[in-house]
ModelCIF file with pLDDT and N, C-alpha, C, O atoms, coordinates in Angstrom:
data_MODEL
#
_entry.id   MODEL 
#
_entity.id                         1 
_entity.type                       polymer 
_entity.pdbx_number_of_molecules   1 
#
_entity_poly.entity_id                      1 
_entity_poly.type                           'polypeptide(L)' 
_entity_poly.nstd_linkage                   no 
_entity_poly.nstd_monomer                   no 
_entity_poly.pdbx_seq_one_letter_code       
;(UNK)(UNK)(UNK)(UNK)(UNK)(UNK)(UNK)(UNK)(UNK)(UNK)(UNK)(UNK)(UNK)(UNK)(UNK)(UNK)
(UNK)(UNK)(UNK)(UNK)(UNK)(UNK)(UNK)(UNK)(UNK)(UNK)(UNK)(UNK)(UNK)(UNK)(UNK)(UNK)
(UNK)(UNK)(UNK)(UNK)(UNK)(UNK)(UNK)(UNK)(UNK)(UNK)(UNK)(UNK)(UNK)(UNK)(UNK)
;
_entity_poly.pdbx_seq_one_letter_code_can   XXXXXXXXXXXXXXXXXXXXXXXXXXXXXXXXXXXXXXXXXXXXXXX 
_entity_poly.pdbx_strand_id                 A 
#
loop_
_entity_poly_seq.entity_id 
_entity_poly_seq.num 
_entity_poly_seq.mon_id 
_entity_poly_seq.hetero 
1 1  UNK n 
1 2  UNK n 
1 3  UNK n 
1 4  UNK n 
1 5  UNK n 
1 6  UNK n 
1 7  UNK n 
1 8  UNK n 
1 9  UNK n 
1 10 UNK n 
1 11 UNK n 
1 12 UNK n 
1 13 UNK n 
1 14 UNK n 
1 15 UNK n 
1 16 UNK n 
1 17 UNK n 
1 18 UNK n 
1 19 UNK n 
1 20 UNK n 
1 21 UNK n 
1 22 UNK n 
1 23 UNK n 
1 24 UNK n 
1 25 UNK n 
1 26 UNK n 
1 27 UNK n 
1 28 UNK n 
1 29 UNK n 
1 30 UNK n 
1 31 UNK n 
1 32 UNK n 
1 33 UNK n 
1 34 UNK n 
1 35 UNK n 
1 36 UNK n 
1 37 UNK n 
1 38 UNK n 
1 39 UNK n 
1 40 UNK n 
1 41 UNK n 
1 42 UNK n 
1 43 UNK n 
1 44 UNK n 
1 45 UNK n 
1 46 UNK n 
1 47 UNK n 
#
_struct_asym.id          A 
_struct_asym.entity_id   1 
#
loop_
_ma_qa_metric.id 
_ma_qa_metric.mode 
_ma_qa_metric.name 
_ma_qa_metric.software_group_id 
_ma_qa_metric.type 
1 global pLDDT . pLDDT 
2 local  pLDDT . pLDDT 
#
_ma_qa_metric_global.metric_id      1 
_ma_qa_metric_global.metric_value   86.02 
_ma_qa_metric_global.model_id       1 
_ma_qa_metric_global.ordinal_id     1 
#
loop_
_ma_qa_metric_local.label_asym_id 
_ma_qa_metric_local.label_comp_id 
_ma_qa_metric_local.label_seq_id 
_ma_qa_metric_local.metric_id 
_ma_qa_metric_local.metric_value 
_ma_qa_metric_local.model_id 
_ma_qa_metric_local.ordinal_id 
A UNK 1  2 92.00 1 1  
A UNK 2  2 93.00 1 2  
A UNK 3  2 95.00 1 3  
A UNK 4  2 96.00 1 4  
A UNK 5  2 94.00 1 5  
A UNK 6  2 93.00 1 6  
A UNK 7  2 93.00 1 7  
A UNK 8  2 86.00 1 8  
A UNK 9  2 81.00 1 9  
A UNK 10 2 76.00 1 10 
A UNK 11 2 79.00 1 11 
A UNK 12 2 84.00 1 12 
A UNK 13 2 91.00 1 13 
A UNK 14 2 91.00 1 14 
A UNK 15 2 92.00 1 15 
A UNK 16 2 92.00 1 16 
A UNK 17 2 94.00 1 17 
A UNK 18 2 92.00 1 18 
A UNK 19 2 92.00 1 19 
A UNK 20 2 86.00 1 20 
A UNK 21 2 78.00 1 21 
A UNK 22 2 75.00 1 22 
A UNK 23 2 74.00 1 23 
A UNK 24 2 69.00 1 24 
A UNK 25 2 72.00 1 25 
A UNK 26 2 77.00 1 26 
A UNK 27 2 78.00 1 27 
A UNK 28 2 78.00 1 28 
A UNK 29 2 80.00 1 29 
A UNK 30 2 77.00 1 30 
A UNK 31 2 80.00 1 31 
A UNK 32 2 82.00 1 32 
A UNK 33 2 85.00 1 33 
A UNK 34 2 89.00 1 34 
A UNK 35 2 92.00 1 35 
A UNK 36 2 91.00 1 36 
A UNK 37 2 89.00 1 37 
A UNK 38 2 89.00 1 38 
A UNK 39 2 91.00 1 39 
A UNK 40 2 91.00 1 40 
A UNK 41 2 87.00 1 41 
A UNK 42 2 89.00 1 42 
A UNK 43 2 90.00 1 43 
A UNK 44 2 88.00 1 44 
A UNK 45 2 83.00 1 45 
A UNK 46 2 88.00 1 46 
A UNK 47 2 89.00 1 47 
#
loop_
_atom_site.group_PDB 
_atom_site.id 
_atom_site.type_symbol 
_atom_site.label_atom_id 
_atom_site.label_alt_id 
_atom_site.label_comp_id 
_atom_site.label_asym_id 
_atom_site.label_entity_id 
_atom_site.label_seq_id 
_atom_site.pdbx_PDB_ins_code 
_atom_site.Cartn_x 
_atom_site.Cartn_y 
_atom_site.Cartn_z 
_atom_site.occupancy 
_atom_site.B_iso_or_equiv 
_atom_site.pdbx_formal_charge 
_atom_site.auth_seq_id 
_atom_site.auth_comp_id 
_atom_site.auth_asym_id 
_atom_site.auth_atom_id 
_atom_site.pdbx_PDB_model_num 
ATOM 1   N N  . UNK A 1 1  ? -21.634 41.219 14.039 1.00 92.00 ? 1  UNK A N  1 
ATOM 2   C CA . UNK A 1 1  ? -20.591 42.239 13.892 1.00 92.00 ? 1  UNK A CA 1 
ATOM 3   C C  . UNK A 1 1  ? -20.218 42.462 12.429 1.00 92.00 ? 1  UNK A C  1 
ATOM 4   O O  . UNK A 1 1  ? -19.393 43.323 12.123 1.00 92.00 ? 1  UNK A O  1 
ATOM 5   N N  . UNK A 1 2  ? -20.831 41.678 11.511 1.00 93.00 ? 2  UNK A N  1 
ATOM 6   C CA . UNK A 1 2  ? -20.556 41.783 10.087 1.00 93.00 ? 2  UNK A CA 1 
ATOM 7   C C  . UNK A 1 2  ? -19.093 41.463 9.794  1.00 93.00 ? 2  UNK A C  1 
ATOM 8   O O  . UNK A 1 2  ? -18.432 42.159 9.024  1.00 93.00 ? 2  UNK A O  1 
ATOM 9   N N  . UNK A 1 3  ? -18.596 40.381 10.430 1.00 95.00 ? 3  UNK A N  1 
ATOM 10  C CA . UNK A 1 3  ? -17.185 39.999 10.344 1.00 95.00 ? 3  UNK A CA 1 
ATOM 11  C C  . UNK A 1 3  ? -17.075 38.503 10.038 1.00 95.00 ? 3  UNK A C  1 
ATOM 12  O O  . UNK A 1 3  ? -17.843 37.692 10.556 1.00 95.00 ? 3  UNK A O  1 
ATOM 13  N N  . UNK A 1 4  ? -16.104 38.153 9.186  1.00 96.00 ? 4  UNK A N  1 
ATOM 14  C CA . UNK A 1 4  ? -15.814 36.762 8.841  1.00 96.00 ? 4  UNK A CA 1 
ATOM 15  C C  . UNK A 1 4  ? -14.323 36.529 9.038  1.00 96.00 ? 4  UNK A C  1 
ATOM 16  O O  . UNK A 1 4  ? -13.505 37.358 8.641  1.00 96.00 ? 4  UNK A O  1 
ATOM 17  N N  . UNK A 1 5  ? -13.966 35.394 9.657  1.00 94.00 ? 5  UNK A N  1 
ATOM 18  C CA . UNK A 1 5  ? -12.567 35.020 9.842  1.00 94.00 ? 5  UNK A CA 1 
ATOM 19  C C  . UNK A 1 5  ? -12.216 33.818 9.000  1.00 94.00 ? 5  UNK A C  1 
ATOM 20  O O  . UNK A 1 5  ? -12.992 32.867 8.919  1.00 94.00 ? 5  UNK A O  1 
ATOM 21  N N  . UNK A 1 6  ? -11.047 33.849 8.368  1.00 93.00 ? 6  UNK A N  1 
ATOM 22  C CA . UNK A 1 6  ? -10.588 32.751 7.523  1.00 93.00 ? 6  UNK A CA 1 
ATOM 23  C C  . UNK A 1 6  ? -9.236  32.248 8.008  1.00 93.00 ? 6  UNK A C  1 
ATOM 24  O O  . UNK A 1 6  ? -8.455  32.980 8.616  1.00 93.00 ? 6  UNK A O  1 
ATOM 25  N N  . UNK A 1 7  ? -8.985  30.970 7.719  1.00 93.00 ? 7  UNK A N  1 
ATOM 26  C CA . UNK A 1 7  ? -7.704  30.391 8.107  1.00 93.00 ? 7  UNK A CA 1 
ATOM 27  C C  . UNK A 1 7  ? -7.295  29.337 7.093  1.00 93.00 ? 7  UNK A C  1 
ATOM 28  O O  . UNK A 1 7  ? -8.131  28.794 6.370  1.00 93.00 ? 7  UNK A O  1 
ATOM 29  N N  . UNK A 1 8  ? -5.994  29.053 7.049  1.00 86.00 ? 8  UNK A N  1 
ATOM 30  C CA . UNK A 1 8  ? -5.507  27.948 6.224  1.00 86.00 ? 8  UNK A CA 1 
ATOM 31  C C  . UNK A 1 8  ? -5.101  26.831 7.170  1.00 86.00 ? 8  UNK A C  1 
ATOM 32  O O  . UNK A 1 8  ? -4.322  27.047 8.099  1.00 86.00 ? 8  UNK A O  1 
ATOM 33  N N  . UNK A 1 9  ? -5.616  25.665 6.937  1.00 81.00 ? 9  UNK A N  1 
ATOM 34  C CA . UNK A 1 9  ? -5.292  24.533 7.792  1.00 81.00 ? 9  UNK A CA 1 
ATOM 35  C C  . UNK A 1 9  ? -5.852  24.702 9.189  1.00 81.00 ? 9  UNK A C  1 
ATOM 36  O O  . UNK A 1 9  ? -6.944  25.239 9.378  1.00 81.00 ? 9  UNK A O  1 
ATOM 37  N N  . UNK A 1 10 ? -5.095  24.240 10.153 1.00 76.00 ? 10 UNK A N  1 
ATOM 38  C CA . UNK A 1 10 ? -5.505  24.320 11.555 1.00 76.00 ? 10 UNK A CA 1 
ATOM 39  C C  . UNK A 1 10 ? -4.724  25.430 12.239 1.00 76.00 ? 10 UNK A C  1 
ATOM 40  O O  . UNK A 1 10 ? -3.598  25.739 11.848 1.00 76.00 ? 10 UNK A O  1 
ATOM 41  N N  . UNK A 1 11 ? -5.314  26.019 13.244 1.00 79.00 ? 11 UNK A N  1 
ATOM 42  C CA . UNK A 1 11 ? -4.584  27.011 14.020 1.00 79.00 ? 11 UNK A CA 1 
ATOM 43  C C  . UNK A 1 11 ? -5.199  28.380 13.983 1.00 79.00 ? 11 UNK A C  1 
ATOM 44  O O  . UNK A 1 11 ? -6.395  28.543 14.222 1.00 79.00 ? 11 UNK A O  1 
ATOM 45  N N  . UNK A 1 12 ? -4.382  29.364 13.685 1.00 84.00 ? 12 UNK A N  1 
ATOM 46  C CA . UNK A 1 12 ? -4.739  30.773 13.801 1.00 84.00 ? 12 UNK A CA 1 
ATOM 47  C C  . UNK A 1 12 ? -5.676  31.237 12.687 1.00 84.00 ? 12 UNK A C  1 
ATOM 48  O O  . UNK A 1 12 ? -5.428  30.975 11.510 1.00 84.00 ? 12 UNK A O  1 
ATOM 49  N N  . UNK A 1 13 ? -6.741  31.919 13.060 1.00 91.00 ? 13 UNK A N  1 
ATOM 50  C CA . UNK A 1 13 ? -7.587  32.602 12.082 1.00 91.00 ? 13 UNK A CA 1 
ATOM 51  C C  . UNK A 1 13 ? -6.838  33.883 11.717 1.00 91.00 ? 13 UNK A C  1 
ATOM 52  O O  . UNK A 1 13 ? -6.837  34.845 12.485 1.00 91.00 ? 13 UNK A O  1 
ATOM 53  N N  . UNK A 1 14 ? -6.202  33.894 10.545 1.00 91.00 ? 14 UNK A N  1 
ATOM 54  C CA . UNK A 1 14 ? -5.267  34.969 10.244 1.00 91.00 ? 14 UNK A CA 1 
ATOM 55  C C  . UNK A 1 14 ? -5.737  35.986 9.215  1.00 91.00 ? 14 UNK A C  1 
ATOM 56  O O  . UNK A 1 14 ? -5.032  36.960 8.948  1.00 91.00 ? 14 UNK A O  1 
ATOM 57  N N  . UNK A 1 15 ? -6.913  35.780 8.631  1.00 92.00 ? 15 UNK A N  1 
ATOM 58  C CA . UNK A 1 15 ? -7.467  36.771 7.716  1.00 92.00 ? 15 UNK A CA 1 
ATOM 59  C C  . UNK A 1 15 ? -8.894  37.072 8.135  1.00 92.00 ? 15 UNK A C  1 
ATOM 60  O O  . UNK A 1 15 ? -9.735  36.176 8.203  1.00 92.00 ? 15 UNK A O  1 
ATOM 61  N N  . UNK A 1 16 ? -9.158  38.333 8.414  1.00 92.00 ? 16 UNK A N  1 
ATOM 62  C CA . UNK A 1 16 ? -10.484 38.775 8.834  1.00 92.00 ? 16 UNK A CA 1 
ATOM 63  C C  . UNK A 1 16 ? -11.054 39.726 7.797  1.00 92.00 ? 16 UNK A C  1 
ATOM 64  O O  . UNK A 1 16 ? -10.356 40.614 7.307  1.00 92.00 ? 16 UNK A O  1 
ATOM 65  N N  . UNK A 1 17 ? -12.315 39.537 7.467  1.00 94.00 ? 17 UNK A N  1 
ATOM 66  C CA . UNK A 1 17 ? -13.034 40.418 6.556  1.00 94.00 ? 17 UNK A CA 1 
ATOM 67  C C  . UNK A 1 17 ? -14.038 41.192 7.384  1.00 94.00 ? 17 UNK A C  1 
ATOM 68  O O  . UNK A 1 17 ? -14.961 40.613 7.958  1.00 94.00 ? 17 UNK A O  1 
ATOM 69  N N  . UNK A 1 18 ? -13.859 42.494 7.444  1.00 92.00 ? 18 UNK A N  1 
ATOM 70  C CA . UNK A 1 18 ? -14.686 43.369 8.268  1.00 92.00 ? 18 UNK A CA 1 
ATOM 71  C C  . UNK A 1 18 ? -15.590 44.180 7.354  1.00 92.00 ? 18 UNK A C  1 
ATOM 72  O O  . UNK A 1 18 ? -15.126 45.075 6.646  1.00 92.00 ? 18 UNK A O  1 
ATOM 73  N N  . UNK A 1 19 ? -16.880 43.867 7.369  1.00 92.00 ? 19 UNK A N  1 
ATOM 74  C CA . UNK A 1 19 ? -17.827 44.512 6.478  1.00 92.00 ? 19 UNK A CA 1 
ATOM 75  C C  . UNK A 1 19 ? -18.457 45.767 7.036  1.00 92.00 ? 19 UNK A C  1 
ATOM 76  O O  . UNK A 1 19 ? -19.549 46.149 6.617  1.00 92.00 ? 19 UNK A O  1 
ATOM 77  N N  . UNK A 1 20 ? -17.796 46.409 7.964  1.00 86.00 ? 20 UNK A N  1 
ATOM 78  C CA . UNK A 1 20 ? -18.360 47.595 8.604  1.00 86.00 ? 20 UNK A CA 1 
ATOM 79  C C  . UNK A 1 20 ? -17.911 48.897 7.957  1.00 86.00 ? 20 UNK A C  1 
ATOM 80  O O  . UNK A 1 20 ? -17.944 49.952 8.591  1.00 86.00 ? 20 UNK A O  1 
ATOM 81  N N  . UNK A 1 21 ? -17.501 48.828 6.726  1.00 78.00 ? 21 UNK A N  1 
ATOM 82  C CA . UNK A 1 21 ? -17.141 50.042 6.008  1.00 78.00 ? 21 UNK A CA 1 
ATOM 83  C C  . UNK A 1 21 ? -15.654 50.190 5.813  1.00 78.00 ? 21 UNK A C  1 
ATOM 84  O O  . UNK A 1 21 ? -14.847 49.701 6.602  1.00 78.00 ? 21 UNK A O  1 
ATOM 85  N N  . UNK A 1 22 ? -15.315 50.870 4.753  1.00 75.00 ? 22 UNK A N  1 
ATOM 86  C CA . UNK A 1 22 ? -13.909 51.039 4.383  1.00 75.00 ? 22 UNK A CA 1 
ATOM 87  C C  . UNK A 1 22 ? -13.272 52.279 4.987  1.00 75.00 ? 22 UNK A C  1 
ATOM 88  O O  . UNK A 1 22 ? -12.106 52.560 4.710  1.00 75.00 ? 22 UNK A O  1 
ATOM 89  N N  . UNK A 1 23 ? -13.995 53.022 5.796  1.00 74.00 ? 23 UNK A N  1 
ATOM 90  C CA . UNK A 1 23 ? -13.433 54.246 6.369  1.00 74.00 ? 23 UNK A CA 1 
ATOM 91  C C  . UNK A 1 23 ? -12.606 53.966 7.616  1.00 74.00 ? 23 UNK A C  1 
ATOM 92  O O  . UNK A 1 23 ? -11.867 54.835 8.079  1.00 74.00 ? 23 UNK A O  1 
ATOM 93  N N  . UNK A 1 24 ? -12.724 52.761 8.162  1.00 69.00 ? 24 UNK A N  1 
ATOM 94  C CA . UNK A 1 24 ? -11.944 52.414 9.344  1.00 69.00 ? 24 UNK A CA 1 
ATOM 95  C C  . UNK A 1 24 ? -10.529 52.044 8.916  1.00 69.00 ? 24 UNK A C  1 
ATOM 96  O O  . UNK A 1 24 ? -10.327 51.625 7.776  1.00 69.00 ? 24 UNK A O  1 
ATOM 97  N N  . UNK A 1 25 ? -9.539  52.188 9.806  1.00 72.00 ? 25 UNK A N  1 
ATOM 98  C CA . UNK A 1 25 ? -8.164  51.843 9.440  1.00 72.00 ? 25 UNK A CA 1 
ATOM 99  C C  . UNK A 1 25 ? -7.978  50.342 9.289  1.00 72.00 ? 25 UNK A C  1 
ATOM 100 O O  . UNK A 1 25 ? -8.718  49.549 9.872  1.00 72.00 ? 25 UNK A O  1 
ATOM 101 N N  . UNK A 1 26 ? -6.983  49.963 8.502  1.00 77.00 ? 26 UNK A N  1 
ATOM 102 C CA . UNK A 1 26 ? -6.619  48.556 8.360  1.00 77.00 ? 26 UNK A CA 1 
ATOM 103 C C  . UNK A 1 26 ? -5.945  48.090 9.641  1.00 77.00 ? 26 UNK A C  1 
ATOM 104 O O  . UNK A 1 26 ? -5.237  48.856 10.295 1.00 77.00 ? 26 UNK A O  1 
ATOM 105 N N  . UNK A 1 27 ? -6.172  46.829 9.993  1.00 78.00 ? 27 UNK A N  1 
ATOM 106 C CA . UNK A 1 27 ? -5.614  46.268 11.226 1.00 78.00 ? 27 UNK A CA 1 
ATOM 107 C C  . UNK A 1 27 ? -4.632  45.170 10.860 1.00 78.00 ? 27 UNK A C  1 
ATOM 108 O O  . UNK A 1 27 ? -4.994  44.220 10.165 1.00 78.00 ? 27 UNK A O  1 
ATOM 109 N N  . UNK A 1 28 ? -3.394  45.289 11.322 1.00 78.00 ? 28 UNK A N  1 
ATOM 110 C CA . UNK A 1 28 ? -2.376  44.255 11.142 1.00 78.00 ? 28 UNK A CA 1 
ATOM 111 C C  . UNK A 1 28 ? -1.791  43.963 12.516 1.00 78.00 ? 28 UNK A C  1 
ATOM 112 O O  . UNK A 1 28 ? -1.418  44.886 13.241 1.00 78.00 ? 28 UNK A O  1 
ATOM 113 N N  . UNK A 1 29 ? -1.709  42.688 12.878 1.00 80.00 ? 29 UNK A N  1 
ATOM 114 C CA . UNK A 1 29 ? -1.140  42.299 14.175 1.00 80.00 ? 29 UNK A CA 1 
ATOM 115 C C  . UNK A 1 29 ? 0.094   41.438 13.938 1.00 80.00 ? 29 UNK A C  1 
ATOM 116 O O  . UNK A 1 29 ? 0.086   40.547 13.090 1.00 80.00 ? 29 UNK A O  1 
ATOM 117 N N  . UNK A 1 30 ? 1.142   41.708 14.685 1.00 77.00 ? 30 UNK A N  1 
ATOM 118 C CA . UNK A 1 30 ? 2.371   40.937 14.608 1.00 77.00 ? 30 UNK A CA 1 
ATOM 119 C C  . UNK A 1 30 ? 2.429   39.975 15.785 1.00 77.00 ? 30 UNK A C  1 
ATOM 120 O O  . UNK A 1 30 ? 2.068   40.333 16.906 1.00 77.00 ? 30 UNK A O  1 
ATOM 121 N N  . UNK A 1 31 ? 2.881   38.765 15.530 1.00 80.00 ? 31 UNK A N  1 
ATOM 122 C CA . UNK A 1 31 ? 3.014   37.778 16.600 1.00 80.00 ? 31 UNK A CA 1 
ATOM 123 C C  . UNK A 1 31 ? 4.369   37.895 17.268 1.00 80.00 ? 31 UNK A C  1 
ATOM 124 O O  . UNK A 1 31 ? 5.394   37.994 16.594 1.00 80.00 ? 31 UNK A O  1 
ATOM 125 N N  . UNK A 1 32 ? 4.376   37.883 18.584 1.00 82.00 ? 32 UNK A N  1 
ATOM 126 C CA . UNK A 1 32 ? 5.627   37.934 19.348 1.00 82.00 ? 32 UNK A CA 1 
ATOM 127 C C  . UNK A 1 32 ? 5.736   36.666 20.189 1.00 82.00 ? 32 UNK A C  1 
ATOM 128 O O  . UNK A 1 32 ? 4.731   36.134 20.662 1.00 82.00 ? 32 UNK A O  1 
ATOM 129 N N  . UNK A 1 33 ? 6.948   36.195 20.366 1.00 85.00 ? 33 UNK A N  1 
ATOM 130 C CA . UNK A 1 33 ? 7.167   34.988 21.154 1.00 85.00 ? 33 UNK A CA 1 
ATOM 131 C C  . UNK A 1 33 ? 7.230   35.275 22.643 1.00 85.00 ? 33 UNK A C  1 
ATOM 132 O O  . UNK A 1 33 ? 7.001   34.388 23.465 1.00 85.00 ? 33 UNK A O  1 
ATOM 133 N N  . UNK A 1 34 ? 7.546   36.540 22.994 1.00 89.00 ? 34 UNK A N  1 
ATOM 134 C CA . UNK A 1 34 ? 7.666   36.872 24.411 1.00 89.00 ? 34 UNK A CA 1 
ATOM 135 C C  . UNK A 1 34 ? 7.624   38.391 24.590 1.00 89.00 ? 34 UNK A C  1 
ATOM 136 O O  . UNK A 1 34 ? 7.606   39.143 23.616 1.00 89.00 ? 34 UNK A O  1 
ATOM 137 N N  . UNK A 1 35 ? 7.608   38.819 25.830 1.00 92.00 ? 35 UNK A N  1 
ATOM 138 C CA . UNK A 1 35 ? 7.536   40.249 26.161 1.00 92.00 ? 35 UNK A CA 1 
ATOM 139 C C  . UNK A 1 35 ? 8.783   40.999 25.697 1.00 92.00 ? 35 UNK A C  1 
ATOM 140 O O  . UNK A 1 35 ? 8.700   42.173 25.338 1.00 92.00 ? 35 UNK A O  1 
ATOM 141 N N  . UNK A 1 36 ? 9.929   40.333 25.701 1.00 91.00 ? 36 UNK A N  1 
ATOM 142 C CA . UNK A 1 36 ? 11.161  40.978 25.267 1.00 91.00 ? 36 UNK A CA 1 
ATOM 143 C C  . UNK A 1 36 ? 11.070  41.393 23.798 1.00 91.00 ? 36 UNK A C  1 
ATOM 144 O O  . UNK A 1 36 ? 11.539  42.470 23.429 1.00 91.00 ? 36 UNK A O  1 
ATOM 145 N N  . UNK A 1 37 ? 10.477  40.557 22.969 1.00 89.00 ? 37 UNK A N  1 
ATOM 146 C CA . UNK A 1 37 ? 10.297  40.909 21.566 1.00 89.00 ? 37 UNK A CA 1 
ATOM 147 C C  . UNK A 1 37 ? 9.369   42.114 21.420 1.00 89.00 ? 37 UNK A C  1 
ATOM 148 O O  . UNK A 1 37 ? 9.609   42.991 20.591 1.00 89.00 ? 37 UNK A O  1 
ATOM 149 N N  . UNK A 1 38 ? 8.324   42.152 22.217 1.00 89.00 ? 38 UNK A N  1 
ATOM 150 C CA . UNK A 1 38 ? 7.388   43.279 22.173 1.00 89.00 ? 38 UNK A CA 1 
ATOM 151 C C  . UNK A 1 38 ? 8.128   44.570 22.515 1.00 89.00 ? 38 UNK A C  1 
ATOM 152 O O  . UNK A 1 38 ? 7.987   45.575 21.819 1.00 89.00 ? 38 UNK A O  1 
ATOM 153 N N  . UNK A 1 39 ? 8.912   44.537 23.580 1.00 91.00 ? 39 UNK A N  1 
ATOM 154 C CA . UNK A 1 39 ? 9.646   45.734 23.999 1.00 91.00 ? 39 UNK A CA 1 
ATOM 155 C C  . UNK A 1 39 ? 10.694  46.147 22.975 1.00 91.00 ? 39 UNK A C  1 
ATOM 156 O O  . UNK A 1 39 ? 10.879  47.336 22.717 1.00 91.00 ? 39 UNK A O  1 
ATOM 157 N N  . UNK A 1 40 ? 11.386  45.161 22.386 1.00 91.00 ? 40 UNK A N  1 
ATOM 158 C CA . UNK A 1 40 ? 12.388  45.467 21.370 1.00 91.00 ? 40 UNK A CA 1 
ATOM 159 C C  . UNK A 1 40 ? 11.731  46.074 20.132 1.00 91.00 ? 40 UNK A C  1 
ATOM 160 O O  . UNK A 1 40 ? 12.267  47.008 19.536 1.00 91.00 ? 40 UNK A O  1 
ATOM 161 N N  . UNK A 1 41 ? 10.567  45.542 19.748 1.00 87.00 ? 41 UNK A N  1 
ATOM 162 C CA . UNK A 1 41 ? 9.826   46.099 18.620 1.00 87.00 ? 41 UNK A CA 1 
ATOM 163 C C  . UNK A 1 41 ? 9.424   47.543 18.909 1.00 87.00 ? 41 UNK A C  1 
ATOM 164 O O  . UNK A 1 41 ? 9.599   48.429 18.073 1.00 87.00 ? 41 UNK A O  1 
ATOM 165 N N  . UNK A 1 42 ? 8.889   47.763 20.092 1.00 89.00 ? 42 UNK A N  1 
ATOM 166 C CA . UNK A 1 42 ? 8.444   49.112 20.478 1.00 89.00 ? 42 UNK A CA 1 
ATOM 167 C C  . UNK A 1 42 ? 9.610   50.096 20.433 1.00 89.00 ? 42 UNK A C  1 
ATOM 168 O O  . UNK A 1 42 ? 9.471   51.199 19.906 1.00 89.00 ? 42 UNK A O  1 
ATOM 169 N N  . UNK A 1 43 ? 10.742  49.707 20.976 1.00 90.00 ? 43 UNK A N  1 
ATOM 170 C CA . UNK A 1 43 ? 11.922  50.575 20.990 1.00 90.00 ? 43 UNK A CA 1 
ATOM 171 C C  . UNK A 1 43 ? 12.385  50.865 19.563 1.00 90.00 ? 43 UNK A C  1 
ATOM 172 O O  . UNK A 1 43 ? 12.656  52.016 19.221 1.00 90.00 ? 43 UNK A O  1 
ATOM 173 N N  . UNK A 1 44 ? 12.477  49.838 18.739 1.00 88.00 ? 44 UNK A N  1 
ATOM 174 C CA . UNK A 1 44 ? 12.921  50.027 17.354 1.00 88.00 ? 44 UNK A CA 1 
ATOM 175 C C  . UNK A 1 44 ? 11.953  50.910 16.577 1.00 88.00 ? 44 UNK A C  1 
ATOM 176 O O  . UNK A 1 44 ? 12.377  51.741 15.774 1.00 88.00 ? 44 UNK A O  1 
ATOM 177 N N  . UNK A 1 45 ? 10.659  50.734 16.811 1.00 83.00 ? 45 UNK A N  1 
ATOM 178 C CA . UNK A 1 45 ? 9.659   51.548 16.117 1.00 83.00 ? 45 UNK A CA 1 
ATOM 179 C C  . UNK A 1 45 ? 9.786   53.013 16.512 1.00 83.00 ? 45 UNK A C  1 
ATOM 180 O O  . UNK A 1 45 ? 9.692   53.896 15.660 1.00 83.00 ? 45 UNK A O  1 
ATOM 181 N N  . UNK A 1 46 ? 9.998   53.276 17.798 1.00 88.00 ? 46 UNK A N  1 
ATOM 182 C CA . UNK A 1 46 ? 10.156  54.654 18.252 1.00 88.00 ? 46 UNK A CA 1 
ATOM 183 C C  . UNK A 1 46 ? 11.412  55.281 17.671 1.00 88.00 ? 46 UNK A C  1 
ATOM 184 O O  . UNK A 1 46 ? 11.410  56.456 17.302 1.00 88.00 ? 46 UNK A O  1 
ATOM 185 N N  . UNK A 1 47 ? 12.485  54.503 17.587 1.00 89.00 ? 47 UNK A N  1 
ATOM 186 C CA . UNK A 1 47 ? 13.737  55.013 17.022 1.00 89.00 ? 47 UNK A CA 1 
ATOM 187 C C  . UNK A 1 47 ? 13.619  55.254 15.529 1.00 89.00 ? 47 UNK A C  1 
ATOM 188 O O  . UNK A 1 47 ? 14.582  55.684 14.894 1.00 89.00 ? 47 UNK A O  1 
#
């Protein structure tokens, strides 16, 4: 897939290098602790 994942220490691979061209959009993911946070984020973003 021409992709490399990097991490610091143990746990989440939090930096991905995607070598499939710079014309694709940047991808950022936010971590949520539960569904309520997801819904609150969605509502705040829409507002």
